[in-house]
Each structure stands twice: as C-alpha cells, then as structure tokens.
Amino acid sequence: MNSSVPYLVKAMKEWIQDNGFTPYLVISAHATNVEVPMEHVKDGKIVLNISPSAVRDFYASEQGLGFSGRFSGVAREIFSPLDAVEGIFAKENGRGMWFSGQPEPNPSGPDEGGIIKPKLKLVK
C-alpha cells in the first residue's frame, strides 16, 4: 500500500491555509537524500514555511516532498523523502499532524499464529 504521508501533508496544508494560518513543515535534516539549507538546521531538524507566498511549485508524491524557496535571498530547491517528514503544523496555533516514522502495521498480525504472549519479568 502507498504511504499516506503525501496525501496527509497536502490535506493538512490545505486545511491550515483555509483557516487563514501559515503551514510549517518539520523535516529531519540529517536523513538520507534530504536537500535543505543546512545553515538553517537546528537540533537536526529544519522548520520550513510552505505557504504559497513562501514557496513555488510545492509537490507531495510517493518519491517525497519538494518545492522551490528563497533562503537569505538565494533560490534553493528543497527535497525531503517521506521518511524524513516529521510533521506539519500551523505557525499561529501549533495545530497539525505529526508522523512517527514508525513502519506501517503488519495486516497479517503477529508471527506466532495470532497469539500475543505477555513479556513479563520477575522482579525480586
């Protein structure tokens, strides 16, 4: 099944903008294949304004998220694979959606015939 991340990012971006707020995207900057201006990275993350007034040609696809933006007056192409996207939120109130980076659940269930055994430890 395809990742839900690009669909959710596009929906949240639209919802945030429809409410008159500014959508911000949080990306793990040190993940593989991330292309962001490293001089703006703080604590391994970069927070990007993705409103229409701040970026051009925004896209969200199965390959990742990308757009063109200006940083300190210099035009840059930004790209993030889906696994590096940590969340999207409204700058003004913090409401949004966060992605855990956890793998999709296995629809076939546990490997041991559907029986989940407790993992307890005796403490003396």
C-alpha atoms as a PDB file:
ATOM      1  CA  MET A   1       0.000   0.000   0.000  1.00  0.00           C
ATOM      2  CA  ASN A   2       1.251   3.517  -0.791  1.00  0.00           C
ATOM      3  CA  SER A   3       2.386   5.804   2.014  1.00  0.00           C
ATOM      4  CA  SER A   4      -0.318   8.085   3.396  1.00  0.00           C
ATOM      5  CA  VAL A   5       2.200  10.857   4.198  1.00  0.00           C
ATOM      6  CA  PRO A   6       1.990  12.827   0.906  1.00  0.00           C
ATOM      7  CA  TYR A   7      -1.816  12.750   0.993  1.00  0.00           C
ATOM      8  CA  LEU A   8      -1.970  13.824   4.630  1.00  0.00           C
ATOM      9  CA  VAL A   9       0.573  16.626   4.138  1.00  0.00           C
ATOM     10  CA  LYS A  10      -1.397  18.026   1.174  1.00  0.00           C
ATOM     11  CA  ALA A  11      -4.688  17.808   3.108  1.00  0.00           C
ATOM     12  CA  MET A  12      -3.245  19.413   6.252  1.00  0.00           C
ATOM     13  CA  LYS A  13      -1.566  22.168   4.196  1.00  0.00           C
ATOM     14  CA  GLU A  14      -4.897  22.987   2.555  1.00  0.00           C
ATOM     15  CA  TRP A  15      -6.780  22.865   5.872  1.00  0.00           C
ATOM     16  CA  ILE A  16      -4.265  25.163   7.582  1.00  0.00           C
ATOM     17  CA  GLN A  17      -4.391  27.666   4.701  1.00  0.00           C
ATOM     18  CA  ASP A  18      -8.214  27.535   4.514  1.00  0.00           C
ATOM     19  CA  ASN A  19      -8.269  28.643   8.148  1.00  0.00           C
ATOM     20  CA  GLY A  20      -6.039  31.621   7.395  1.00  0.00           C
ATOM     21  CA  PHE A  21      -2.922  30.210   9.035  1.00  0.00           C
ATOM     22  CA  THR A  22       0.632  29.534   7.850  1.00  0.00           C
ATOM     23  CA  PRO A  23       1.643  25.897   7.212  1.00  0.00           C
ATOM     24  CA  TYR A  24       5.054  24.885   8.526  1.00  0.00           C
ATOM     25  CA  LEU A  25       6.755  21.599   7.665  1.00  0.00           C
ATOM     26  CA  VAL A  26       9.231  19.867  10.015  1.00  0.00           C
ATOM     27  CA  ILE A  27      11.923  17.733   8.375  1.00  0.00           C
ATOM     28  CA  SER A  28      14.686  15.604   9.865  1.00  0.00           C
ATOM     29  CA  ALA A  29      17.574  17.330   8.112  1.00  0.00           C
ATOM     30  CA  HIS A  30      20.178  14.588   8.504  1.00  0.00           C
ATOM     31  CA  ALA A  31      18.080  11.825   6.911  1.00  0.00           C
ATOM     32  CA  THR A  32      19.318  10.274   3.662  1.00  0.00           C
ATOM     33  CA  ASN A  33      18.645  12.273   0.455  1.00  0.00           C
ATOM     34  CA  VAL A  34      17.299  15.365   2.246  1.00  0.00           C
ATOM     35  CA  GLU A  35      18.160  18.575   0.388  1.00  0.00           C
ATOM     36  CA  VAL A  36      17.712  21.608   2.635  1.00  0.00           C
ATOM     37  CA  PRO A  37      19.862  24.637   3.510  1.00  0.00           C
ATOM     38  CA  MET A  38      21.959  23.186   6.319  1.00  0.00           C
ATOM     39  CA  GLU A  39      22.760  26.641   7.706  1.00  0.00           C
ATOM     40  CA  HIS A  40      19.119  26.820   8.893  1.00  0.00           C
ATOM     41  CA  VAL A  41      19.111  23.405  10.623  1.00  0.00           C
ATOM     42  CA  LYS A  42      18.737  23.393  14.402  1.00  0.00           C
ATOM     43  CA  ASP A  43      18.970  20.246  16.548  1.00  0.00           C
ATOM     44  CA  GLY A  44      18.941  18.086  13.427  1.00  0.00           C
ATOM     45  CA  LYS A  45      15.631  19.495  12.185  1.00  0.00           C
ATOM     46  CA  ILE A  46      14.535  22.238   9.869  1.00  0.00           C
ATOM     47  CA  VAL A  47      11.188  24.019  10.052  1.00  0.00           C
ATOM     48  CA  LEU A  48      10.020  25.387   6.709  1.00  0.00           C
ATOM     49  CA  ASN A  49       7.245  27.819   5.850  1.00  0.00           C
ATOM     50  CA  ILE A  50       5.391  26.144   2.945  1.00  0.00           C
ATOM     51  CA  SER A  51       2.705  28.781   2.373  1.00  0.00           C
ATOM     52  CA  PRO A  52       2.121  29.836  -1.258  1.00  0.00           C
ATOM     53  CA  SER A  53       3.758  33.207  -0.570  1.00  0.00           C
ATOM     54  CA  ALA A  54       6.954  31.476   0.633  1.00  0.00           C
ATOM     55  CA  VAL A  55       7.393  28.631  -1.872  1.00  0.00           C
ATOM     56  CA  ARG A  56       6.843  27.797  -5.526  1.00  0.00           C
ATOM     57  CA  ASP A  57       5.942  24.520  -7.187  1.00  0.00           C
ATOM     58  CA  PHE A  58       5.148  22.602  -3.988  1.00  0.00           C
ATOM     59  CA  TYR A  59       4.582  18.891  -4.579  1.00  0.00           C
ATOM     60  CA  ALA A  60       3.982  15.818  -2.453  1.00  0.00           C
ATOM     61  CA  SER A  61       4.368  12.442  -4.155  1.00  0.00           C
ATOM     62  CA  GLU A  62       5.429   8.866  -3.442  1.00  0.00           C
ATOM     63  CA  GLN A  63       9.043   9.974  -4.001  1.00  0.00           C
ATOM     64  CA  GLY A  64       8.882  12.740  -1.398  1.00  0.00           C
ATOM     65  CA  LEU A  65       8.059  16.409  -0.847  1.00  0.00           C
ATOM     66  CA  GLY A  66       9.675  19.278  -2.671  1.00  0.00           C
ATOM     67  CA  PHE A  67       9.458  22.909  -3.680  1.00  0.00           C
ATOM     68  CA  SER A  68      11.478  25.970  -4.612  1.00  0.00           C
ATOM     69  CA  GLY A  69      12.148  28.590  -1.971  1.00  0.00           C
ATOM     70  CA  ARG A  70      14.380  31.508  -1.131  1.00  0.00           C
ATOM     71  CA  PHE A  71      16.690  31.496   1.871  1.00  0.00           C
ATOM     72  CA  SER A  72      18.523  34.712   2.692  1.00  0.00           C
ATOM     73  CA  GLY A  73      17.711  35.864  -0.839  1.00  0.00           C
ATOM     74  CA  VAL A  74      19.153  32.762  -2.528  1.00  0.00           C
ATOM     75  CA  ALA A  75      16.829  30.476  -4.535  1.00  0.00           C
ATOM     76  CA  ARG A  76      17.050  26.821  -3.447  1.00  0.00           C
ATOM     77  CA  GLU A  77      15.410  23.553  -4.446  1.00  0.00           C
ATOM     78  CA  ILE A  78      14.158  21.668  -1.372  1.00  0.00           C
ATOM     79  CA  PHE A  79      13.514  17.934  -1.253  1.00  0.00           C
ATOM     80  CA  SER A  80      12.623  15.522   1.529  1.00  0.00           C
ATOM     81  CA  PRO A  81      11.961  11.803   1.273  1.00  0.00           C
ATOM     82  CA  LEU A  82       8.768  10.790   3.071  1.00  0.00           C
ATOM     83  CA  ASP A  83      10.555   9.108   5.971  1.00  0.00           C
ATOM     84  CA  ALA A  84      12.241  12.409   6.885  1.00  0.00           C
ATOM     85  CA  VAL A  85       8.940  14.311   7.204  1.00  0.00           C
ATOM     86  CA  GLU A  86       8.214  14.687  10.908  1.00  0.00           C
ATOM     87  CA  GLY A  87       5.113  16.847  10.804  1.00  0.00           C
ATOM     88  CA  ILE A  88       3.098  19.770   9.517  1.00  0.00           C
ATOM     89  CA  PHE A  89       1.534  22.425  11.725  1.00  0.00           C
ATOM     90  CA  ALA A  90       0.045  25.923  11.769  1.00  0.00           C
ATOM     91  CA  LYS A  91       2.562  28.528  12.894  1.00  0.00           C
ATOM     92  CA  GLU A  92      -0.078  30.571  14.677  1.00  0.00           C
ATOM     93  CA  ASN A  93      -1.589  27.891  16.952  1.00  0.00           C
ATOM     94  CA  GLY A  94       0.577  24.763  16.619  1.00  0.00           C
ATOM     95  CA  ARG A  95      -2.288  22.566  15.423  1.00  0.00           C
ATOM     96  CA  GLY A  96      -1.324  19.999  12.849  1.00  0.00           C
ATOM     97  CA  MET A  97      -0.214  16.422  12.362  1.00  0.00           C
ATOM     98  CA  TRP A  98       2.924  14.579  13.406  1.00  0.00           C
ATOM     99  CA  PHE A  99       4.320  11.488  11.755  1.00  0.00           C
ATOM    100  CA  SER A 100       6.030   8.968  13.999  1.00  0.00           C
ATOM    101  CA  GLY A 101       8.299   7.446  11.379  1.00  0.00           C
ATOM    102  CA  GLN A 102       7.159   4.017  12.519  1.00  0.00           C
ATOM    103  CA  PRO A 103       6.618   1.341   9.868  1.00  0.00           C
ATOM    104  CA  GLU A 104       3.062   0.574   8.783  1.00  0.00           C
ATOM    105  CA  PRO A 105       1.436  -2.129  10.939  1.00  0.00           C
ATOM    106  CA  ASN A 106       1.549  -5.658   9.561  1.00  0.00           C
ATOM    107  CA  PRO A 107      -2.025  -6.517   8.467  1.00  0.00           C
ATOM    108  CA  SER A 108      -1.326 -10.259   8.784  1.00  0.00           C
ATOM    109  CA  GLY A 109      -0.846  -9.954  12.559  1.00  0.00           C
ATOM    110  CA  PRO A 110       1.843 -11.422  14.810  1.00  0.00           C
ATOM    111  CA  ASP A 111       4.114 -14.177  13.516  1.00  0.00           C
ATOM    112  CA  GLU A 112       3.020 -16.721  16.135  1.00  0.00           C
ATOM    113  CA  GLY A 113      -0.422 -17.641  14.805  1.00  0.00           C
ATOM    114  CA  GLY A 114      -2.168 -14.518  16.099  1.00  0.00           C
ATOM    115  CA  ILE A 115      -1.306 -15.190  19.766  1.00  0.00           C
ATOM    116  CA  ILE A 116       0.338 -12.317  21.589  1.00  0.00           C
ATOM    117  CA  LYS A 117       2.322 -13.547  24.584  1.00  0.00           C
ATOM    118  CA  PRO A 118       2.934 -11.208  27.519  1.00  0.00           C
ATOM    119  CA  LYS A 119       6.515 -10.104  28.093  1.00  0.00           C
ATOM    120  CA  LEU A 120       6.843 -10.022  31.843  1.00  0.00           C
ATOM    121  CA  LYS A 121       9.917 -10.189  34.037  1.00  0.00           C
ATOM    122  CA  LEU A 122      10.042 -11.449  37.610  1.00  0.00           C
ATOM    123  CA  VAL A 123      11.366  -8.777  39.971  1.00  0.00           C
ATOM    124  CA  LYS A 124      12.541  -9.920  43.432  1.00  0.00           C
END
